[in-house]
Amino acid sequence: MLAGVERLVDLVGPRVSRGASADAVAVREAVRAGDTAALAATEGHFAAVAREGQTVRLARTLGLPLRYFVAKLFHGPFLIVGERIEQLYDWCCDRKIGWQFDPLYTRMAPAHYLVELDQVGCPDPTPRCTRFFTPPVGGGSADVDELGEAYVRAAYGSLRCWLEAVPADAPVAVLFSGGVDSSSVFLLARHALRELGRNPDHVRAFTLDLGGGQDLEQAAAWVRELGLEQSWEPLRLTGRKPDLEGAIACIEDYHPLDVECAAASLLALREIRARYPSLRFLLDGDGGDENLKSYPLEDSDLTVSSVLRNPLLYQEGWGLDAIKHSQTYSGGLSRSYVRTYAPAQRFGFEAHSPYTSRPAIAASLRIPFEALLDGRAERLATLKADVVRDGVEAVTGIRMPVFPKRRFQEGAGGAAYRQWRVSKAWCRRTFLAQWEDRLRHAWETPELNRRELANIGA
């Protein structure tokens, strides 16, 4: 192995979200030093990688993806880091080593961990992972009003910081279904702009309707009740069928619910971009269901016990040491936030959800779910509505309307959604088929000789 050769290739550089409490350089230095205390104290989202000697360290939060791949060159193992799988593939192909690549050999850094890898090679050592986000679980008040205020104020703090860093005259879009999470974000954003001395009408809500969905009707009723019709715009795309294969390529994943959600998002964002070419900033309520554990158990293999005994299950998956953990994709929202991030990036939006912030997650973890449920699984379906509605009223003084929960793609698609629902098997086959031609091309590229390999990266 040759000394003095830089064997870390960072294709994206350190990143921080708008309104973060530290700049990208400071975050990268904390990652380089393995300073988990500094990372824990850094508000906002971030993703960074740095090298110290033979050790490479990576860290990220939910809102920014970070992936890596170990490539072998004459100098030894090279760690290639990017935010998309295709970035890693393109780099390998540019260096004529695409034959080494497989999308399932890439790794997504798990959110809320400092990941350390030693570049010693043959075989590559297992990464070491150390948590930098360790909030206490349970112990909060059993009073729903108090819980709601603490949770929503935490989310509001994140939202206000983000909006403070947005230009004062910039319009802000909200993906709005009339459901609990998007409705609360709409009201909190208006409240934040008012407190900042700005025009709350700079926030505009958009509702996707593919024909026959219930979101349009409930969103119209919601804005009518609060007198906000002038700040709401329906996106009527009746009969439009989402491009599911395009969604898989966009998010580089194959979980069917995330694929469907991303496909619907791509339709909505394409339409918003066509109507407002200069609009840049986008808000949504992603993460709200995960925080309040508001998913129907009958749609999964989960039980109430498994959900309650794994407090960060929906945010991080089963955990790094679990058999079900996928090294390629991380778990929970750590994996699936690409359903929001990638479509927004595709159309030039900077997206943010206050419910993905660590303060909001920490506040939700303090909720004594077991005591509040008292063995009643059905209470999960109504608890979030009570908590968020009471919290929004405590922060804004507005009692917002509450409608039944439904998934984004179902609310937008209505009866037609049942015709384009997909299985995990189909999604996975499609994902692998999309990579088949790329991998065939890479394998047909003549392997470089030893001298060419020696010159790469020198």
Protein backbone atom coordinates (compact mmCIF):
# COMPACT_ATOMS: atom_id res chain seq x y z
CA MET A 1 0.00 0.00 0.00
CA LEU A 2 1.53 3.32 -1.07
CA ALA A 3 2.04 5.99 1.59
CA GLY A 4 0.76 9.52 1.02
CA VAL A 5 -2.08 8.54 -1.35
CA GLU A 6 -5.46 10.04 -0.46
CA ARG A 7 -7.82 7.07 -0.49
CA LEU A 8 -11.00 8.87 0.51
CA VAL A 9 -13.09 10.25 -2.35
CA ASP A 10 -15.87 12.56 -1.13
CA LEU A 11 -18.18 13.30 -4.06
CA VAL A 12 -20.54 15.65 -2.17
CA GLY A 13 -18.59 17.31 0.62
CA PRO A 14 -19.88 18.14 4.10
CA ARG A 15 -23.48 19.38 4.17
CA VAL A 16 -25.67 21.07 6.74
CA SER A 17 -29.33 22.00 6.54
CA ARG A 18 -30.54 25.57 6.43
CA GLY A 19 -30.55 27.04 9.93
CA ALA A 20 -28.11 24.49 11.38
CA SER A 21 -26.19 25.66 14.44
CA ALA A 22 -22.77 24.81 12.94
CA ASP A 23 -21.31 25.26 9.46
CA ALA A 24 -20.23 22.41 7.24
CA VAL A 25 -16.52 22.85 8.02
CA ALA A 26 -17.15 22.59 11.77
CA VAL A 27 -19.25 19.47 11.31
CA ARG A 28 -16.59 17.82 9.17
CA GLU A 29 -13.96 18.60 11.82
CA ALA A 30 -16.16 17.06 14.54
CA VAL A 31 -16.56 13.95 12.38
CA ARG A 32 -12.82 13.79 11.69
CA ALA A 33 -12.07 13.99 15.42
CA GLY A 34 -14.80 11.49 16.31
CA ASP A 35 -16.34 14.12 18.60
CA THR A 36 -19.78 12.67 19.26
CA ALA A 37 -20.53 15.35 21.87
CA ALA A 38 -20.08 18.09 19.27
CA LEU A 39 -22.27 16.20 16.81
CA ALA A 40 -24.97 15.75 19.45
CA ALA A 41 -24.89 19.49 20.18
CA THR A 42 -25.18 20.48 16.51
CA GLU A 43 -28.76 21.45 15.77
CA GLY A 44 -30.18 20.83 12.33
CA HIS A 45 -29.39 18.13 9.79
CA PHE A 46 -25.88 17.31 8.63
CA ALA A 47 -23.87 14.73 6.72
CA ALA A 48 -20.09 14.59 6.53
CA VAL A 49 -17.10 12.30 6.08
CA ALA A 50 -13.45 12.83 7.03
CA ARG A 51 -10.27 10.80 7.40
CA GLU A 52 -7.81 10.66 10.26
CA GLY A 53 -4.84 8.44 9.45
CA GLN A 54 -6.15 5.11 8.20
CA THR A 55 -9.57 5.65 9.82
CA VAL A 56 -12.46 7.17 7.89
CA ARG A 57 -15.43 8.52 9.85
CA LEU A 58 -18.94 9.32 8.59
CA ALA A 59 -22.00 10.77 10.32
CA ARG A 60 -25.44 11.91 9.26
CA THR A 61 -28.90 12.74 10.52
CA LEU A 62 -32.24 11.75 9.00
CA GLY A 63 -32.56 14.64 6.56
CA LEU A 64 -29.41 14.11 4.47
CA PRO A 65 -28.47 10.77 2.87
CA LEU A 66 -24.88 9.52 2.85
CA ARG A 67 -23.70 6.36 1.06
CA TYR A 68 -20.33 4.76 0.54
CA PHE A 69 -18.62 2.02 -1.44
CA VAL A 70 -15.23 0.36 -1.02
CA ALA A 71 -13.34 0.14 -4.32
CA LYS A 72 -10.01 -1.64 -4.80
CA LEU A 73 -7.19 0.08 -6.66
CA PHE A 74 -3.50 -0.69 -6.80
CA HIS A 75 -2.92 1.52 -3.74
CA GLY A 76 -5.37 -0.47 -1.65
CA PRO A 77 -8.99 0.16 -0.67
CA PHE A 78 -10.55 3.46 -1.70
CA LEU A 79 -13.68 4.65 0.13
CA ILE A 80 -16.03 6.46 -2.26
CA VAL A 81 -18.72 8.58 -0.58
CA GLY A 82 -21.79 10.22 -2.13
CA GLU A 83 -25.48 10.77 -1.55
CA ARG A 84 -26.71 8.54 -4.39
CA ILE A 85 -25.82 5.03 -5.51
CA GLU A 86 -25.46 6.22 -9.10
CA GLN A 87 -22.77 8.71 -8.04
CA LEU A 88 -20.66 5.89 -6.68
CA TYR A 89 -21.22 3.83 -9.83
CA ASP A 90 -20.33 6.72 -12.15
CA TRP A 91 -17.06 7.34 -10.29
CA CYS A 92 -16.08 3.69 -10.65
CA CYS A 93 -16.92 3.68 -14.34
CA ASP A 94 -14.96 6.89 -14.95
CA ARG A 95 -11.91 5.09 -13.50
CA LYS A 96 -12.63 1.97 -15.55
CA ILE A 97 -13.34 -0.17 -12.48
CA GLY A 98 -17.10 -0.39 -12.91
CA TRP A 99 -16.71 -4.16 -12.98
CA GLN A 100 -16.14 -4.00 -9.22
CA PHE A 101 -19.44 -2.29 -8.58
CA ASP A 102 -22.73 -3.72 -7.35
CA PRO A 103 -25.49 -1.49 -5.96
CA LEU A 104 -26.06 -4.03 -3.18
CA TYR A 105 -22.43 -3.65 -2.11
CA THR A 106 -22.97 0.03 -1.31
CA ARG A 107 -23.76 1.08 2.26
CA MET A 108 -25.96 3.80 3.66
CA ALA A 109 -24.55 5.37 6.81
CA PRO A 110 -27.19 4.92 9.54
CA ALA A 111 -28.66 8.14 10.91
CA HIS A 112 -27.58 9.26 14.39
CA TYR A 113 -24.34 7.25 14.41
CA LEU A 114 -20.67 8.02 13.97
CA VAL A 115 -19.40 5.29 11.63
CA GLU A 116 -15.69 4.41 11.65
CA LEU A 117 -13.93 2.30 9.01
CA ASP A 118 -10.26 1.37 8.97
CA GLN A 119 -8.66 1.40 5.52
CA VAL A 120 -6.47 -1.65 5.89
CA GLY A 121 -8.06 -3.88 3.26
CA CYS A 122 -8.26 -7.61 2.51
CA PRO A 123 -10.68 -8.20 4.09
CA ASP A 124 -12.39 -4.87 4.75
CA PRO A 125 -13.08 -4.62 8.49
CA THR A 126 -16.57 -4.24 9.86
CA PRO A 127 -17.48 -0.60 10.61
CA ARG A 128 -17.69 0.53 14.21
CA CYS A 129 -20.82 2.54 15.04
CA THR A 130 -21.23 4.89 18.00
CA ARG A 131 -24.48 6.73 18.73
CA PHE A 132 -24.42 10.50 19.10
CA PHE A 133 -28.19 10.85 19.63
CA THR A 134 -29.27 9.21 22.89
CA PRO A 135 -32.51 10.81 24.12
CA PRO A 136 -34.27 9.46 27.22
CA VAL A 137 -37.31 7.27 26.60
CA GLY A 138 -40.61 7.60 28.47
CA GLY A 139 -40.87 9.53 31.69
CA GLY A 140 -42.93 12.35 30.21
CA SER A 141 -46.23 13.56 31.55
CA ALA A 142 -49.32 11.47 30.89
CA ASP A 143 -51.23 14.68 30.22
CA VAL A 144 -51.89 14.90 26.49
CA ASP A 145 -52.00 18.71 26.54
CA GLU A 146 -48.54 18.90 28.09
CA LEU A 147 -47.16 16.24 25.77
CA GLY A 148 -48.58 18.01 22.75
CA GLU A 149 -47.13 21.38 23.68
CA ALA A 150 -43.67 19.92 24.34
CA TYR A 151 -43.68 17.96 21.07
CA VAL A 152 -45.00 20.71 18.82
CA ARG A 153 -42.80 23.40 20.41
CA ALA A 154 -39.77 21.23 19.68
CA ALA A 155 -40.83 20.87 16.05
CA TYR A 156 -41.66 24.57 15.87
CA GLY A 157 -38.17 25.50 17.05
CA SER A 158 -36.66 23.54 14.18
CA LEU A 159 -39.09 25.03 11.68
CA ARG A 160 -38.48 28.59 12.82
CA CYS A 161 -34.69 28.18 12.61
CA TRP A 162 -35.08 26.87 9.07
CA LEU A 163 -37.37 29.73 8.05
CA GLU A 164 -35.07 32.33 9.59
CA ALA A 165 -32.40 31.20 7.12
CA VAL A 166 -34.80 31.43 4.15
CA PRO A 167 -34.75 34.79 2.32
CA ALA A 168 -37.43 37.07 3.77
CA ASP A 169 -39.34 37.50 0.51
CA ALA A 170 -39.08 33.89 -0.65
CA PRO A 171 -42.30 31.89 -1.16
CA VAL A 172 -42.53 28.57 0.69
CA ALA A 173 -44.58 25.60 -0.51
CA VAL A 174 -46.22 23.05 1.79
CA LEU A 175 -47.29 19.63 0.54
CA PHE A 176 -50.70 19.64 2.17
CA SER A 177 -53.20 16.81 2.45
CA GLY A 178 -55.35 18.26 5.21
CA GLY A 179 -53.99 15.52 7.49
CA VAL A 180 -52.60 16.14 10.95
CA ASP A 181 -48.90 16.50 10.12
CA SER A 182 -49.09 18.65 6.99
CA SER A 183 -51.84 20.80 8.54
CA SER A 184 -49.72 21.47 11.61
CA VAL A 185 -46.68 22.36 9.49
CA PHE A 186 -48.80 24.80 7.44
CA LEU A 187 -50.04 26.58 10.58
CA LEU A 188 -46.66 26.53 12.32
CA ALA A 189 -44.94 27.99 9.25
CA ARG A 190 -47.46 30.82 9.05
CA HIS A 191 -47.04 31.46 12.78
CA ALA A 192 -43.24 31.52 12.47
CA LEU A 193 -43.30 34.03 9.62
CA ARG A 194 -45.67 36.22 11.59
CA GLU A 195 -43.34 36.10 14.60
CA LEU A 196 -40.40 36.94 12.33
CA GLY A 197 -42.23 40.02 11.08
CA ARG A 198 -42.83 38.53 7.64
CA ASN A 199 -45.91 37.92 5.57
CA PRO A 200 -47.52 34.58 6.55
CA ASP A 201 -49.13 34.42 3.12
CA HIS A 202 -45.69 33.65 1.68
CA VAL A 203 -46.54 30.09 2.73
CA ARG A 204 -48.73 28.36 0.16
CA ALA A 205 -50.28 24.91 0.55
CA PHE A 206 -50.61 22.50 -2.40
CA THR A 207 -52.86 19.44 -2.51
CA LEU A 208 -52.41 16.71 -5.10
CA ASP A 209 -55.54 15.15 -6.61
CA LEU A 210 -55.33 12.38 -9.19
CA GLY A 211 -59.11 12.11 -9.33
CA GLY A 212 -61.41 10.72 -6.68
CA GLY A 213 -59.03 11.02 -3.74
CA GLN A 214 -60.29 12.23 -0.38
CA ASP A 215 -57.42 14.61 0.32
CA LEU A 216 -58.77 17.31 -1.98
CA GLU A 217 -62.15 17.36 -0.27
CA GLN A 218 -60.73 17.37 3.25
CA ALA A 219 -58.08 19.99 2.39
CA ALA A 220 -60.79 22.25 0.94
CA ALA A 221 -62.88 21.82 4.09
CA TRP A 222 -59.83 22.51 6.27
CA VAL A 223 -58.82 25.79 4.61
CA ARG A 224 -62.46 26.89 4.43
CA GLU A 225 -62.93 26.39 8.17
CA LEU A 226 -59.84 28.46 8.98
CA GLY A 227 -60.37 31.05 6.26
CA LEU A 228 -57.17 30.21 4.39
CA GLU A 229 -58.58 29.53 0.94
CA GLN A 230 -56.36 32.19 -0.65
CA SER A 231 -53.24 30.40 0.59
CA TRP A 232 -54.23 27.02 -0.84
CA GLU A 233 -53.89 25.63 -4.36
CA PRO A 234 -55.14 22.24 -5.59
CA LEU A 235 -53.04 20.30 -8.09
CA ARG A 236 -55.72 18.59 -10.17
CA LEU A 237 -54.10 15.90 -12.31
CA THR A 238 -57.15 13.73 -12.86
CA GLY A 239 -56.35 10.41 -14.49
CA ARG A 240 -52.59 10.87 -14.26
CA LYS A 241 -50.89 7.62 -13.32
CA PRO A 242 -47.70 7.84 -11.27
CA ASP A 243 -44.48 6.60 -12.86
CA LEU A 244 -43.53 3.85 -10.43
CA GLU A 245 -40.47 2.71 -12.35
CA GLY A 246 -39.26 6.31 -12.47
CA ALA A 247 -39.82 6.58 -8.72
CA ILE A 248 -37.67 3.51 -8.09
CA ALA A 249 -34.88 5.03 -10.16
CA CYS A 250 -35.27 8.33 -8.33
CA ILE A 251 -35.12 6.99 -4.77
CA GLU A 252 -32.87 4.00 -5.61
CA ASP A 253 -34.95 1.79 -3.35
CA TYR A 254 -37.69 -0.82 -3.61
CA HIS A 255 -39.92 -0.62 -0.53
CA PRO A 256 -43.39 -0.43 -2.14
CA LEU A 257 -44.97 2.17 0.16
CA ASP A 258 -41.97 4.45 -0.26
CA VAL A 259 -42.00 3.89 -4.03
CA GLU A 260 -45.71 4.77 -4.23
CA CYS A 261 -45.24 7.83 -2.04
CA ALA A 262 -42.27 9.03 -4.10
CA ALA A 263 -44.19 8.47 -7.36
CA ALA A 264 -47.04 10.65 -6.12
CA SER A 265 -44.56 13.26 -4.86
CA LEU A 266 -42.85 13.40 -8.24
CA LEU A 267 -46.18 14.23 -9.89
CA ALA A 268 -46.95 16.96 -7.36
CA LEU A 269 -43.50 18.53 -7.48
CA ARG A 270 -43.32 18.45 -11.26
CA GLU A 271 -46.62 20.36 -11.38
CA ILE A 272 -45.54 22.90 -8.75
CA ARG A 273 -42.28 23.47 -10.62
CA ALA A 274 -44.18 24.01 -13.88
CA ARG A 275 -46.43 26.60 -12.23
CA TYR A 276 -43.74 28.32 -10.16
CA PRO A 277 -40.34 27.99 -11.88
CA SER A 278 -38.48 30.00 -9.23
CA LEU A 279 -40.04 28.46 -6.11
CA ARG A 280 -37.28 26.79 -4.11
CA PHE A 281 -38.35 26.05 -0.54
CA LEU A 282 -40.58 23.13 0.41
CA LEU A 283 -42.11 21.95 3.69
CA ASP A 284 -43.93 18.75 4.57
CA GLY A 285 -44.89 16.68 7.60
CA ASP A 286 -42.71 13.63 6.94
CA GLY A 287 -41.66 11.93 10.16
CA GLY A 288 -44.83 12.74 12.08
CA ASP A 289 -46.23 9.24 11.72
CA GLU A 290 -42.94 7.72 12.80
CA ASN A 291 -42.66 9.91 15.89
CA LEU A 292 -46.16 9.15 17.14
CA LYS A 293 -46.07 5.50 15.96
CA SER A 294 -49.13 6.16 13.85
CA TYR A 295 -49.00 3.34 11.32
CA PRO A 296 -51.65 0.62 10.99
CA LEU A 297 -50.17 -2.56 12.44
CA GLU A 298 -52.23 -4.71 10.10
CA ASP A 299 -50.11 -3.44 7.18
CA SER A 300 -46.96 -4.95 8.65
CA ASP A 301 -45.57 -7.85 10.67
CA LEU A 302 -45.34 -5.62 13.75
CA THR A 303 -47.16 -5.92 17.05
CA VAL A 304 -47.86 -3.28 19.66
CA SER A 305 -45.21 -4.88 21.82
CA SER A 306 -42.53 -4.75 19.11
CA VAL A 307 -43.29 -1.09 18.45
CA LEU A 308 -43.28 -0.04 22.10
CA ARG A 309 -40.20 -2.07 23.05
CA ASN A 310 -38.15 -0.59 20.21
CA PRO A 311 -38.61 3.17 20.72
CA LEU A 312 -36.72 4.24 17.58
CA LEU A 313 -38.03 1.41 15.39
CA TYR A 314 -39.81 3.69 12.94
CA GLN A 315 -36.92 6.17 12.78
CA GLU A 316 -33.98 3.76 12.62
CA GLY A 317 -35.31 0.27 11.99
CA TRP A 318 -34.59 -2.73 14.17
CA GLY A 319 -31.07 -1.61 15.03
CA LEU A 320 -27.59 -2.26 13.72
CA ASP A 321 -27.21 -5.58 15.54
CA ALA A 322 -30.54 -7.08 14.44
CA ILE A 323 -30.83 -9.87 11.90
CA LYS A 324 -33.34 -7.81 9.92
CA HIS A 325 -30.93 -4.88 9.54
CA SER A 326 -29.89 -4.18 5.94
CA GLN A 327 -26.34 -2.92 5.63
CA THR A 328 -27.12 -1.55 2.19
CA TYR A 329 -30.01 0.63 3.25
CA SER A 330 -30.00 1.33 7.01
CA GLY A 331 -33.53 1.15 8.45
CA GLY A 332 -36.72 3.04 9.24
CA LEU A 333 -36.93 6.68 8.25
CA SER A 334 -33.13 6.69 8.14
CA ARG A 335 -33.59 4.65 4.97
CA SER A 336 -36.90 5.88 3.65
CA TYR A 337 -36.41 9.65 3.91
CA VAL A 338 -35.14 9.44 0.34
CA ARG A 339 -38.84 9.28 -0.62
CA THR A 340 -38.89 13.00 0.30
CA TYR A 341 -35.31 14.05 -0.32
CA ALA A 342 -34.74 12.60 -3.79
CA PRO A 343 -37.97 13.85 -5.49
CA ALA A 344 -37.43 17.32 -4.02
CA GLN A 345 -33.85 17.37 -5.24
CA ARG A 346 -34.92 16.13 -8.67
CA PHE A 347 -37.02 19.28 -9.19
CA GLY A 348 -34.72 21.76 -7.48
CA PHE A 349 -36.49 22.09 -4.13
CA GLU A 350 -34.88 22.38 -0.71
CA ALA A 351 -37.13 20.27 1.49
CA HIS A 352 -37.56 20.29 5.25
CA SER A 353 -39.82 18.61 7.76
CA PRO A 354 -39.64 19.81 11.38
CA TYR A 355 -40.75 16.36 12.54
CA THR A 356 -37.45 14.84 11.39
CA SER A 357 -35.48 17.12 13.74
CA ARG A 358 -33.81 15.50 16.73
CA PRO A 359 -35.56 17.81 19.25
CA ALA A 360 -38.96 16.73 17.88
CA ILE A 361 -37.95 13.06 17.93
CA ALA A 362 -36.61 13.41 21.47
CA ALA A 363 -39.86 15.04 22.61
CA SER A 364 -41.88 12.21 21.07
CA LEU A 365 -39.71 9.60 22.81
CA ARG A 366 -40.59 11.06 26.20
CA ILE A 367 -44.25 10.21 25.64
CA PRO A 368 -45.30 7.31 27.95
CA PHE A 369 -46.97 5.34 25.18
CA GLU A 370 -47.63 2.22 27.22
CA ALA A 371 -49.48 4.15 29.92
CA LEU A 372 -51.50 6.12 27.39
CA LEU A 373 -52.45 3.07 25.30
CA ASP A 374 -53.29 0.90 28.31
CA GLY A 375 -53.19 -2.17 26.06
CA ARG A 376 -55.48 -0.65 23.40
CA ALA A 377 -53.75 -0.79 20.02
CA GLU A 378 -56.54 1.25 18.45
CA ARG A 379 -55.50 4.23 20.59
CA LEU A 380 -52.43 4.63 18.38
CA ALA A 381 -54.74 5.72 15.57
CA THR A 382 -56.13 8.66 17.58
CA LEU A 383 -53.28 9.59 19.91
CA LYS A 384 -51.28 11.51 17.31
CA ALA A 385 -54.25 13.65 16.36
CA ASP A 386 -54.85 14.59 20.00
CA VAL A 387 -51.19 15.32 20.75
CA VAL A 388 -50.53 17.42 17.64
CA ARG A 389 -53.84 19.30 17.68
CA ASP A 390 -53.36 20.29 21.33
CA GLY A 391 -49.74 21.22 20.70
CA VAL A 392 -50.56 23.41 17.71
CA GLU A 393 -53.22 25.20 19.73
CA ALA A 394 -50.73 25.81 22.56
CA VAL A 395 -48.16 27.29 20.15
CA THR A 396 -50.39 29.20 17.71
CA GLY A 397 -53.67 29.66 19.55
CA ILE A 398 -55.49 27.98 16.64
CA ARG A 399 -57.63 24.87 17.07
CA MET A 400 -57.08 23.06 13.81
CA PRO A 401 -59.56 20.65 12.23
CA VAL A 402 -58.61 16.96 12.34
CA PHE A 403 -59.48 14.37 9.70
CA PRO A 404 -58.93 10.59 9.53
CA LYS A 405 -55.43 9.39 8.70
CA ARG A 406 -54.60 8.00 5.26
CA ARG A 407 -51.42 7.56 3.30
CA PHE A 408 -50.38 10.29 0.85
CA GLN A 409 -50.67 8.10 -2.25
CA GLU A 410 -54.10 6.81 -1.20
CA GLY A 411 -55.44 10.27 -0.36
CA ALA A 412 -54.31 11.63 -3.71
CA GLY A 413 -55.22 8.59 -5.82
CA GLY A 414 -58.50 7.47 -4.33
CA ALA A 415 -60.03 4.36 -5.88
CA ALA A 416 -57.51 4.49 -8.73
CA TYR A 417 -54.71 3.95 -6.22
CA ARG A 418 -55.76 0.32 -5.85
CA GLN A 419 -54.97 -0.17 -9.55
CA TRP A 420 -51.37 0.97 -9.27
CA ARG A 421 -50.40 -0.45 -5.90
CA VAL A 422 -47.29 -2.57 -6.21
CA SER A 423 -45.66 -5.43 -4.32
CA LYS A 424 -42.19 -5.54 -2.86
CA ALA A 425 -41.33 -8.38 -5.23
CA TRP A 426 -42.20 -6.24 -8.26
CA CYS A 427 -40.32 -3.24 -6.89
CA ARG A 428 -37.22 -5.29 -6.18
CA ARG A 429 -37.27 -6.94 -9.62
CA THR A 430 -37.65 -3.53 -11.24
CA PHE A 431 -34.80 -2.08 -9.20
CA LEU A 432 -32.46 -4.92 -10.14
CA ALA A 433 -33.53 -4.78 -13.80
CA GLN A 434 -32.71 -1.08 -13.93
CA TRP A 435 -29.18 -1.90 -12.83
CA GLU A 436 -28.78 -4.89 -15.16
CA ASP A 437 -27.82 -2.89 -18.25
CA ARG A 438 -25.50 -0.65 -16.26
CA LEU A 439 -23.70 -3.57 -14.72
CA ARG A 440 -23.45 -5.39 -18.05
CA HIS A 441 -21.84 -2.31 -19.56
CA ALA A 442 -19.42 -2.07 -16.64
CA TRP A 443 -18.42 -5.73 -16.91
CA GLU A 444 -17.86 -5.44 -20.67
CA THR A 445 -15.39 -2.60 -20.12
CA PRO A 446 -11.89 -4.08 -20.40
CA GLU A 447 -10.17 -4.47 -17.07
CA LEU A 448 -7.35 -1.99 -16.57
CA ASN A 449 -3.84 -3.28 -16.45
CA ARG A 450 -1.64 -2.93 -13.39
CA ARG A 451 0.13 0.20 -14.61
CA GLU A 452 -3.14 2.05 -15.31
CA LEU A 453 -4.42 1.13 -11.86
CA ALA A 454 -1.24 2.49 -10.31
CA ASN A 455 -1.80 5.87 -11.98
CA ILE A 456 -5.39 6.27 -10.77
CA GLY A 457 -5.70 8.57 -7.79
CA ALA A 458 -1.96 9.38 -7.74
